[in-house]
């Protein structure tokens, strides 16, 4: 029987050698409801600093009789994308700053998304374990030369690179601007693109809805909560020193469904606790991280942040089905290093409390806080951030007619060393297993694995 916690090793390869054959624009296949000079409003949830990124993902497809040659694959991707850009026309726009650094989408006379066709003389079999994110896959997702971080101004908002391998398999490397959609919104767009590819005609179910004005700040803004998730704290602990004075390495672990259930039961201090699997898993990872790094002194203030989907919280008015903008709120659990190193049930209570504390009032307060403060940088002092992808239908949404990808997800966590990602496992017989991928200081990796495997 497989262990409850299994470290997944991936080879540290040289970056995949690829040749870019052509780059070309993809324009909407029909009329769109905007003209040159028109603009679209972005909410403060859309354009906060953490959203000003082009989120990279990669999807691998093995060769079969239906995708053995390049032209049909490229034509399928291209034609379906052009069709789906009609209802999802904001992706063909550009971002620009207006007063006070606020972003908006604007439309020029000739705008588009970018598609790249590339090939590699290597085979998929030479890329290592295709179930585990690998930084060596970075060349499969296109980046502009000399591109800087948070560079989303006046750049394509969707970039799609298709790379063909010598074995007949291929990959789709995507970069999607987070300002236009959160994770669930991105899945909605991806599902429309893939459904359109399979049908040969535009398929949008649900019909996409923009309407970001629903999240305009109040007049005057009313900040009702302290919003520690955005604030700078003075980190006097050993955490920052350990993180920045050591080489950071990406590690991935397979967590079985049995382990997740056991942790959830272990965390329950009484029968009335409505802890979720995420509550217990997030607490266990945070605790293992703090213990392995051995944060001192014990009274150091630490934070765990994670995104909460607030769609069901919005009642005034209700969100229209098909809304694909950012409706995530950043929850923040705070405590001392001593408590985080302590009892699992107490740490899980902190995570649970932060999660259920996200309400429509908290969301509106966040919007108003961002309006007043307009943070210009991400604050990481004393913080671990967890991103949950396990509820995204990423494998199902990426079936363009060639079957589900053998891997779908991120590539490289090392640029963000205080981020952990929970991923769904792509195997058909995964039985509810999840992948925990995290960036760690190299000297503490063995300790982290030990604490992660310790069920106490």
Protein backbone atom coordinates (compact mmCIF):
# COMPACT_ATOMS: atom_id res chain seq x y z
CA UNK A 1 0.00 0.00 0.00
CA UNK A 2 1.33 3.46 -0.90
CA UNK A 3 2.37 5.65 2.04
CA UNK A 4 -0.01 8.37 3.20
CA UNK A 5 2.60 11.03 2.45
CA UNK A 6 4.90 10.36 -0.51
CA UNK A 7 7.60 12.71 -1.75
CA UNK A 8 7.52 12.97 -5.51
CA UNK A 9 10.96 13.43 -7.02
CA UNK A 10 11.42 15.18 -10.32
CA UNK A 11 14.68 15.38 -12.26
CA UNK A 12 16.52 18.69 -12.23
CA UNK A 13 16.86 18.98 -15.98
CA UNK A 14 18.36 21.68 -18.09
CA UNK A 15 15.68 23.95 -19.52
CA UNK A 16 13.91 22.18 -22.40
CA UNK A 17 15.51 23.15 -25.73
CA UNK A 18 12.81 24.55 -28.01
CA UNK A 19 12.68 26.36 -31.33
CA UNK A 20 10.02 28.99 -31.90
CA UNK A 21 8.69 28.54 -35.42
CA UNK A 22 6.29 31.47 -35.56
CA UNK A 23 4.37 33.96 -33.46
CA UNK A 24 1.11 35.40 -34.67
CA UNK A 25 -1.87 37.37 -33.41
CA UNK A 26 -5.31 35.85 -32.88
CA UNK A 27 -8.22 38.23 -33.25
CA UNK A 28 -11.90 37.73 -32.43
CA UNK A 29 -13.61 35.83 -35.25
CA UNK A 30 -16.55 38.22 -35.35
CA UNK A 31 -17.83 41.61 -34.21
CA UNK A 32 -17.35 42.53 -30.54
CA UNK A 33 -19.40 45.10 -28.56
CA UNK A 34 -16.62 47.69 -28.22
CA UNK A 35 -14.94 50.18 -30.54
CA UNK A 36 -11.43 51.65 -30.55
CA UNK A 37 -11.14 54.04 -27.65
CA UNK A 38 -13.65 52.22 -25.45
CA UNK A 39 -12.69 51.10 -21.94
CA UNK A 40 -13.90 48.60 -19.34
CA UNK A 41 -13.89 49.08 -15.58
CA UNK A 42 -11.78 46.78 -13.38
CA UNK A 43 -12.65 46.38 -9.72
CA UNK A 44 -10.12 46.80 -6.91
CA UNK A 45 -10.20 43.00 -6.54
CA UNK A 46 -9.10 42.77 -10.19
CA UNK A 47 -6.24 45.24 -10.09
CA UNK A 48 -4.61 44.82 -6.68
CA UNK A 49 -0.87 44.21 -6.85
CA UNK A 50 -1.17 40.43 -6.39
CA UNK A 51 -3.37 40.20 -9.49
CA UNK A 52 -0.99 42.13 -11.75
CA UNK A 53 0.56 38.99 -13.15
CA UNK A 54 0.26 36.73 -16.15
CA UNK A 55 -0.42 33.38 -14.47
CA UNK A 56 1.51 30.56 -16.20
CA UNK A 57 0.13 27.04 -16.63
CA UNK A 58 1.11 24.13 -18.85
CA UNK A 59 -0.90 21.21 -20.26
CA UNK A 60 0.71 18.07 -21.74
CA UNK A 61 -1.01 15.87 -24.34
CA UNK A 62 0.33 12.54 -25.50
CA UNK A 63 0.33 11.55 -29.15
CA UNK A 64 -2.61 9.62 -30.60
CA UNK A 65 -4.16 9.06 -34.01
CA UNK A 66 -6.26 12.22 -33.65
CA UNK A 67 -3.39 14.67 -33.13
CA UNK A 68 -0.49 13.21 -35.07
CA UNK A 69 0.23 16.26 -37.23
CA UNK A 70 0.88 19.90 -36.42
CA UNK A 71 -1.55 21.75 -38.73
CA UNK A 72 -4.81 20.27 -37.37
CA UNK A 73 -3.70 20.89 -33.78
CA UNK A 74 -2.73 24.50 -34.42
CA UNK A 75 -5.85 25.11 -36.50
CA UNK A 76 -8.05 23.65 -33.76
CA UNK A 77 -6.47 25.83 -31.07
CA UNK A 78 -6.47 28.95 -33.27
CA UNK A 79 -9.99 28.71 -34.70
CA UNK A 80 -11.58 27.91 -31.35
CA UNK A 81 -9.68 30.72 -29.63
CA UNK A 82 -10.76 33.21 -32.29
CA UNK A 83 -14.39 32.15 -31.82
CA UNK A 84 -14.29 32.29 -28.03
CA UNK A 85 -12.68 35.74 -28.12
CA UNK A 86 -15.99 37.12 -29.36
CA UNK A 87 -17.91 36.55 -26.09
CA UNK A 88 -14.67 36.89 -24.10
CA UNK A 89 -13.58 40.00 -26.02
CA UNK A 90 -11.88 41.70 -22.98
CA UNK A 91 -8.96 39.28 -23.42
CA UNK A 92 -8.17 40.98 -26.74
CA UNK A 93 -7.82 44.37 -25.04
CA UNK A 94 -4.91 45.89 -23.14
CA UNK A 95 -4.42 47.29 -19.65
CA UNK A 96 -3.41 50.85 -18.89
CA UNK A 97 -3.11 52.96 -15.76
CA UNK A 98 -5.38 55.91 -15.13
CA UNK A 99 -5.62 58.23 -12.13
CA UNK A 100 -4.11 57.04 -8.84
CA UNK A 101 -2.54 54.01 -10.52
CA UNK A 102 -5.91 52.38 -11.21
CA UNK A 103 -6.04 49.92 -14.09
CA UNK A 104 -8.64 49.67 -16.82
CA UNK A 105 -9.05 47.63 -20.00
CA UNK A 106 -8.91 49.69 -23.16
CA UNK A 107 -9.35 48.83 -26.82
CA UNK A 108 -7.24 50.10 -29.68
CA UNK A 109 -7.80 49.81 -33.42
CA UNK A 110 -5.97 46.50 -33.85
CA UNK A 111 -5.62 44.35 -30.76
CA UNK A 112 -5.33 40.64 -30.24
CA UNK A 113 -4.02 37.81 -28.11
CA UNK A 114 -0.73 36.12 -28.94
CA UNK A 115 -0.17 32.57 -30.14
CA UNK A 116 3.21 30.86 -30.59
CA UNK A 117 4.05 27.65 -32.44
CA UNK A 118 7.25 25.91 -31.33
CA UNK A 119 8.89 22.51 -31.49
CA UNK A 120 11.44 20.51 -29.53
CA UNK A 121 13.67 17.65 -30.63
CA UNK A 122 13.08 15.90 -27.31
CA UNK A 123 10.22 13.58 -26.38
CA UNK A 124 7.69 13.87 -23.58
CA UNK A 125 9.27 10.78 -21.99
CA UNK A 126 12.46 12.81 -21.45
CA UNK A 127 10.73 15.52 -19.41
CA UNK A 128 10.65 13.54 -16.18
CA UNK A 129 7.56 12.77 -14.12
CA UNK A 130 4.67 14.52 -15.90
CA UNK A 131 2.58 14.57 -12.71
CA UNK A 132 4.86 16.94 -10.81
CA UNK A 133 5.56 20.63 -11.60
CA UNK A 134 9.09 21.06 -12.89
CA UNK A 135 10.94 24.40 -13.29
CA UNK A 136 12.76 23.02 -16.34
CA UNK A 137 9.48 23.28 -18.26
CA UNK A 138 9.67 27.10 -18.19
CA UNK A 139 10.52 27.45 -21.94
CA UNK A 140 7.11 25.91 -22.74
CA UNK A 141 5.42 29.13 -21.59
CA UNK A 142 6.33 32.17 -23.65
CA UNK A 143 7.90 35.22 -22.04
CA UNK A 144 8.93 38.40 -23.79
CA UNK A 145 12.67 39.24 -23.81
CA UNK A 146 13.69 41.37 -20.80
CA UNK A 147 10.22 41.03 -19.32
CA UNK A 148 9.95 42.33 -15.77
CA UNK A 149 7.71 41.16 -12.90
CA UNK A 150 4.16 42.51 -12.67
CA UNK A 151 4.46 43.66 -16.28
CA UNK A 152 0.83 43.67 -17.45
CA UNK A 153 0.59 47.17 -18.90
CA UNK A 154 0.03 47.31 -22.67
CA UNK A 155 0.86 43.63 -23.18
CA UNK A 156 -1.30 40.77 -24.53
CA UNK A 157 -3.65 39.53 -21.81
CA UNK A 158 -3.57 35.95 -23.08
CA UNK A 159 -0.50 34.21 -24.49
CA UNK A 160 -0.74 30.64 -25.78
CA UNK A 161 2.31 28.61 -26.82
CA UNK A 162 1.89 25.22 -28.48
CA UNK A 163 5.09 23.14 -28.45
CA UNK A 164 5.36 19.92 -30.46
CA UNK A 165 7.66 17.12 -29.29
CA UNK A 166 9.52 14.51 -31.32
CA UNK A 167 7.23 11.75 -30.03
CA UNK A 168 4.11 13.38 -31.49
CA UNK A 169 2.91 14.74 -28.16
CA UNK A 170 2.58 18.44 -27.50
CA UNK A 171 2.03 20.99 -24.77
CA UNK A 172 -0.12 24.08 -24.39
CA UNK A 173 1.60 26.73 -22.31
CA UNK A 174 -0.74 29.51 -21.21
CA UNK A 175 -0.25 32.86 -19.56
CA UNK A 176 -3.51 34.48 -18.54
CA UNK A 177 -3.76 37.91 -16.96
CA UNK A 178 -5.04 37.53 -13.39
CA UNK A 179 -6.61 41.01 -13.58
CA UNK A 180 -9.28 39.65 -15.92
CA UNK A 181 -10.20 36.51 -14.01
CA UNK A 182 -9.54 34.52 -10.86
CA UNK A 183 -8.98 30.76 -10.90
CA UNK A 184 -12.63 29.85 -11.34
CA UNK A 185 -13.01 32.51 -14.03
CA UNK A 186 -9.97 31.12 -15.85
CA UNK A 187 -11.53 27.64 -15.75
CA UNK A 188 -14.74 29.08 -17.21
CA UNK A 189 -12.78 30.63 -20.10
CA UNK A 190 -10.70 27.47 -20.65
CA UNK A 191 -13.82 25.29 -20.68
CA UNK A 192 -15.45 27.58 -23.27
CA UNK A 193 -12.32 27.41 -25.44
CA UNK A 194 -12.05 23.62 -25.24
CA UNK A 195 -15.81 23.07 -25.73
CA UNK A 196 -15.70 25.33 -28.78
CA UNK A 197 -12.75 23.34 -30.14
CA UNK A 198 -14.68 20.08 -29.81
CA UNK A 199 -17.94 21.45 -31.24
CA UNK A 200 -16.46 23.51 -34.06
CA UNK A 201 -18.85 26.34 -33.15
CA UNK A 202 -18.85 28.81 -30.28
CA UNK A 203 -19.94 27.19 -27.01
CA UNK A 204 -20.32 29.41 -23.95
CA UNK A 205 -22.17 27.89 -21.03
CA UNK A 206 -22.56 29.91 -18.90
CA UNK A 207 -22.64 33.10 -20.96
CA UNK A 208 -19.69 35.25 -19.79
CA UNK A 209 -20.58 38.30 -17.71
CA UNK A 210 -18.26 41.30 -17.13
CA UNK A 211 -20.12 43.76 -14.83
CA UNK A 212 -17.15 44.60 -12.58
CA UNK A 213 -19.05 47.72 -11.46
CA UNK A 214 -20.81 45.53 -8.88
CA UNK A 215 -17.59 45.83 -6.86
CA UNK A 216 -17.12 49.59 -7.00
CA UNK A 217 -15.94 51.05 -3.67
CA UNK A 218 -18.47 52.74 -1.45
CA UNK A 219 -18.66 56.53 -1.22
CA UNK A 220 -17.08 57.32 1.09
CA UNK A 221 -15.00 54.14 1.51
CA UNK A 222 -15.72 52.26 4.75
CA UNK A 223 -12.87 50.09 6.04
CA UNK A 224 -14.45 48.00 8.79
CA UNK A 225 -11.69 45.44 9.41
CA UNK A 226 -7.94 45.73 10.11
CA UNK A 227 -6.88 43.71 6.99
CA UNK A 228 -3.68 42.30 8.41
CA UNK A 229 -3.33 40.28 5.19
CA UNK A 230 -2.07 43.39 3.39
CA UNK A 231 -0.15 45.11 6.16
CA UNK A 232 3.58 45.22 6.71
CA UNK A 233 4.67 43.72 10.01
CA UNK A 234 8.09 44.03 11.56
CA UNK A 235 9.56 40.55 11.26
CA UNK A 236 12.18 40.25 14.01
CA UNK A 237 12.24 36.46 13.81
CA UNK A 238 14.71 34.05 12.22
CA UNK A 239 12.24 33.32 9.40
CA UNK A 240 13.34 35.91 6.85
CA UNK A 241 17.02 35.23 7.49
CA UNK A 242 16.53 31.50 6.90
CA UNK A 243 14.48 32.03 3.75
CA UNK A 244 16.74 34.56 2.08
CA UNK A 245 20.16 33.21 3.14
CA UNK A 246 19.61 29.72 1.75
CA UNK A 247 19.02 28.23 -1.67
CA UNK A 248 15.30 27.66 -2.22
CA UNK A 249 14.16 24.40 -3.78
CA UNK A 250 10.77 23.22 -4.98
CA UNK A 251 9.36 20.10 -3.29
CA UNK A 252 6.18 18.14 -4.01
CA UNK A 253 4.33 15.57 -1.93
CA UNK A 254 1.42 13.27 -2.71
CA UNK A 255 -1.08 13.30 0.16
CA UNK A 256 -3.51 10.38 0.06
CA UNK A 257 -7.23 10.77 0.71
CA UNK A 258 -6.78 8.59 3.83
CA UNK A 259 -4.18 10.99 5.18
CA UNK A 260 -6.40 14.00 4.55
CA UNK A 261 -9.31 12.33 6.33
CA UNK A 262 -7.10 11.31 9.25
CA UNK A 263 -5.78 14.86 9.67
CA UNK A 264 -9.31 16.27 9.56
CA UNK A 265 -10.44 13.87 12.28
CA UNK A 266 -7.29 14.48 14.30
CA UNK A 267 -7.87 18.23 14.23
CA UNK A 268 -11.39 17.99 15.62
CA UNK A 269 -11.28 18.85 19.29
CA UNK A 270 -15.04 18.26 19.64
CA UNK A 271 -17.89 16.93 17.52
CA UNK A 272 -19.23 20.40 16.81
CA UNK A 273 -16.16 21.55 14.89
CA UNK A 274 -17.07 22.02 11.22
CA UNK A 275 -13.50 21.82 10.00
CA UNK A 276 -12.98 21.15 6.30
CA UNK A 277 -10.22 19.10 4.74
CA UNK A 278 -8.64 22.37 3.62
CA UNK A 279 -8.67 23.73 7.20
CA UNK A 280 -6.78 20.70 8.51
CA UNK A 281 -4.39 20.42 5.54
CA UNK A 282 -3.52 24.13 5.58
CA UNK A 283 -2.93 24.02 9.34
CA UNK A 284 -0.76 20.89 9.02
CA UNK A 285 1.37 22.38 6.23
CA UNK A 286 1.76 25.74 8.02
CA UNK A 287 2.73 23.98 11.24
CA UNK A 288 5.20 21.68 9.45
CA UNK A 289 6.73 24.69 7.67
CA UNK A 290 7.21 26.71 10.87
CA UNK A 291 8.59 23.72 12.79
CA UNK A 292 11.03 22.70 10.06
CA UNK A 293 12.39 26.26 9.75
CA UNK A 294 12.44 26.40 13.58
CA UNK A 295 11.23 29.99 13.75
CA UNK A 296 12.54 31.87 16.80
CA UNK A 297 11.79 33.59 19.11
CA UNK A 298 8.56 31.78 19.96
CA UNK A 299 6.64 35.02 20.42
CA UNK A 300 7.28 36.03 16.78
CA UNK A 301 4.13 37.04 14.91
CA UNK A 302 3.36 34.82 11.93
CA UNK A 303 0.67 34.87 9.25
CA UNK A 304 -0.95 32.32 6.98
CA UNK A 305 -2.88 33.78 4.06
CA UNK A 306 -5.06 31.97 1.54
CA UNK A 307 -7.65 32.92 -1.03
CA UNK A 308 -11.33 32.26 -0.33
CA UNK A 309 -13.89 32.13 -3.13
CA UNK A 310 -16.51 34.68 -2.04
CA UNK A 311 -19.02 34.13 -4.86
CA UNK A 312 -21.65 32.59 -2.61
CA UNK A 313 -21.19 35.40 -0.07
CA UNK A 314 -22.24 38.15 -2.48
CA UNK A 315 -25.98 38.78 -2.03
CA UNK A 316 -26.38 42.51 -2.58
CA UNK A 317 -26.96 41.95 -5.45
CA UNK A 318 -26.33 38.31 -6.31
CA UNK A 319 -23.61 37.62 -8.83
CA UNK A 320 -24.84 36.66 -12.29
CA UNK A 321 -23.95 33.13 -13.37
CA UNK A 322 -21.06 33.48 -15.78
CA UNK A 323 -19.27 36.28 -13.91
CA UNK A 324 -15.59 35.52 -14.39
CA UNK A 325 -13.86 38.39 -12.59
CA UNK A 326 -11.91 38.22 -9.35
CA UNK A 327 -14.18 37.34 -6.43
CA UNK A 328 -11.54 36.03 -4.08
CA UNK A 329 -10.83 37.46 -0.67
CA UNK A 330 -7.55 36.98 1.13
CA UNK A 331 -8.10 35.32 4.51
CA UNK A 332 -5.41 35.74 7.15
CA UNK A 333 -4.71 33.57 10.20
CA UNK A 334 -2.33 35.18 12.70
CA UNK A 335 -0.52 33.71 15.66
CA UNK A 336 2.79 33.34 17.42
CA UNK A 337 5.41 30.80 16.40
CA UNK A 338 4.81 29.01 19.71
CA UNK A 339 1.13 28.36 19.00
CA UNK A 340 1.73 27.37 15.37
CA UNK A 341 4.30 24.82 16.52
CA UNK A 342 1.80 23.44 19.03
CA UNK A 343 -1.44 21.46 18.87
CA UNK A 344 -2.90 20.74 15.41
CA UNK A 345 -6.47 21.37 16.56
CA UNK A 346 -5.57 24.88 17.79
CA UNK A 347 -3.83 25.77 14.52
CA UNK A 348 -6.79 24.37 12.55
CA UNK A 349 -9.13 26.61 14.58
CA UNK A 350 -7.10 29.62 13.44
CA UNK A 351 -7.39 28.61 9.78
CA UNK A 352 -11.08 27.79 10.14
CA UNK A 353 -11.79 31.11 11.84
CA UNK A 354 -10.01 33.07 9.11
CA UNK A 355 -11.90 31.19 6.40
CA UNK A 356 -15.41 31.59 7.83
CA UNK A 357 -14.63 35.22 8.66
CA UNK A 358 -14.85 36.03 4.95
CA UNK A 359 -18.28 37.61 4.46
CA UNK A 360 -19.77 40.08 2.02
CA UNK A 361 -19.01 42.81 4.57
CA UNK A 362 -15.37 41.71 4.70
CA UNK A 363 -15.21 41.65 0.90
CA UNK A 364 -16.65 45.19 0.67
CA UNK A 365 -14.23 46.36 3.36
CA UNK A 366 -11.35 44.84 1.34
CA UNK A 367 -12.45 46.76 -1.76
CA UNK A 368 -12.58 49.99 0.24
CA UNK A 369 -9.23 49.32 1.93
CA UNK A 370 -7.63 48.87 -1.49
CA UNK A 371 -9.27 52.10 -2.65
CA UNK A 372 -7.85 54.06 0.28
CA UNK A 373 -4.41 52.47 0.62
CA UNK A 374 -3.68 51.26 -2.92
CA UNK A 375 -0.81 48.92 -1.83
CA UNK A 376 2.12 49.01 -4.26
CA UNK A 377 3.99 45.91 -3.10
CA UNK A 378 3.37 42.45 -1.73
CA UNK A 379 4.17 42.00 1.96
CA UNK A 380 5.71 38.65 2.87
CA UNK A 381 7.18 39.25 6.34
CA UNK A 382 6.27 36.37 8.65
CA UNK A 383 3.95 34.94 6.02
CA UNK A 384 3.18 31.70 4.23
CA UNK A 385 0.56 31.85 1.46
CA UNK A 386 -1.41 28.79 0.35
CA UNK A 387 -3.17 28.62 -3.01
CA UNK A 388 -5.79 25.90 -3.46
CA UNK A 389 -6.28 24.51 -6.98
CA UNK A 390 -7.94 21.25 -5.94
CA UNK A 391 -11.44 22.58 -6.63
CA UNK A 392 -10.58 23.76 -10.13
CA UNK A 393 -11.80 21.50 -12.94
CA UNK A 394 -8.47 22.07 -14.66
CA UNK A 395 -8.17 18.61 -16.24
CA UNK A 396 -11.77 18.45 -17.42
CA UNK A 397 -11.69 22.04 -18.72
CA UNK A 398 -8.57 21.38 -20.82
CA UNK A 399 -9.97 18.55 -22.95
CA UNK A 400 -9.88 20.04 -26.47
CA UNK A 401 -10.91 16.79 -28.12
CA UNK A 402 -7.71 14.82 -27.54
CA UNK A 403 -8.67 13.68 -24.06
CA UNK A 404 -7.64 15.16 -20.73
CA UNK A 405 -4.04 16.33 -20.42
CA UNK A 406 -1.63 14.04 -18.58
CA UNK A 407 -0.62 17.07 -16.51
CA UNK A 408 -2.30 20.43 -16.01
CA UNK A 409 -1.04 23.08 -13.64
CA UNK A 410 1.81 25.39 -12.67
CA UNK A 411 5.49 24.97 -13.48
CA UNK A 412 7.78 26.75 -11.07
CA UNK A 413 7.21 28.00 -7.52
CA UNK A 414 10.75 29.21 -6.87
CA UNK A 415 10.10 32.85 -7.83
CA UNK A 416 7.69 33.02 -4.87
CA UNK A 417 9.47 31.25 -1.99
CA UNK A 418 6.68 31.71 0.57
CA UNK A 419 3.94 30.12 -1.50
CA UNK A 420 2.48 26.63 -1.26
CA UNK A 421 0.04 25.20 -3.83
CA UNK A 422 -2.49 22.40 -3.32
CA UNK A 423 -3.02 20.67 -6.68
CA UNK A 424 -5.39 17.94 -7.84
CA UNK A 425 -3.69 14.78 -9.00
CA UNK A 426 -4.32 14.09 -12.66
CA UNK A 427 -4.19 10.30 -12.52
CA UNK A 428 -7.54 8.60 -13.20
CA UNK A 429 -7.09 6.38 -10.13
CA UNK A 430 -5.90 9.15 -7.79
CA UNK A 431 -8.73 8.35 -5.31
CA UNK A 432 -8.84 11.92 -4.08
CA UNK A 433 -5.11 12.36 -3.53
CA UNK A 434 -3.71 15.89 -3.69
CA UNK A 435 -0.28 17.26 -4.43
CA UNK A 436 1.31 19.71 -2.01
CA UNK A 437 3.98 21.76 -3.78
CA UNK A 438 6.08 24.17 -1.75
CA UNK A 439 9.32 26.11 -1.98
CA UNK A 440 11.69 25.41 0.93
CA UNK A 441 15.17 26.41 2.10
CA UNK A 442 17.35 23.49 1.03
CA UNK A 443 18.73 22.74 4.55
CA UNK A 444 15.24 22.15 6.01
CA UNK A 445 13.74 19.89 3.34
CA UNK A 446 14.33 16.65 5.28
CA UNK A 447 12.81 18.13 8.44
CA UNK A 448 9.78 19.38 6.53
CA UNK A 449 9.14 15.93 5.06
CA UNK A 450 9.41 14.39 8.53
CA UNK A 451 6.95 16.85 10.08
CA UNK A 452 4.56 16.56 7.11
CA UNK A 453 4.55 12.76 7.54
CA UNK A 454 4.09 12.98 11.31
CA UNK A 455 0.44 12.49 12.29
CA UNK A 456 0.29 13.66 15.90
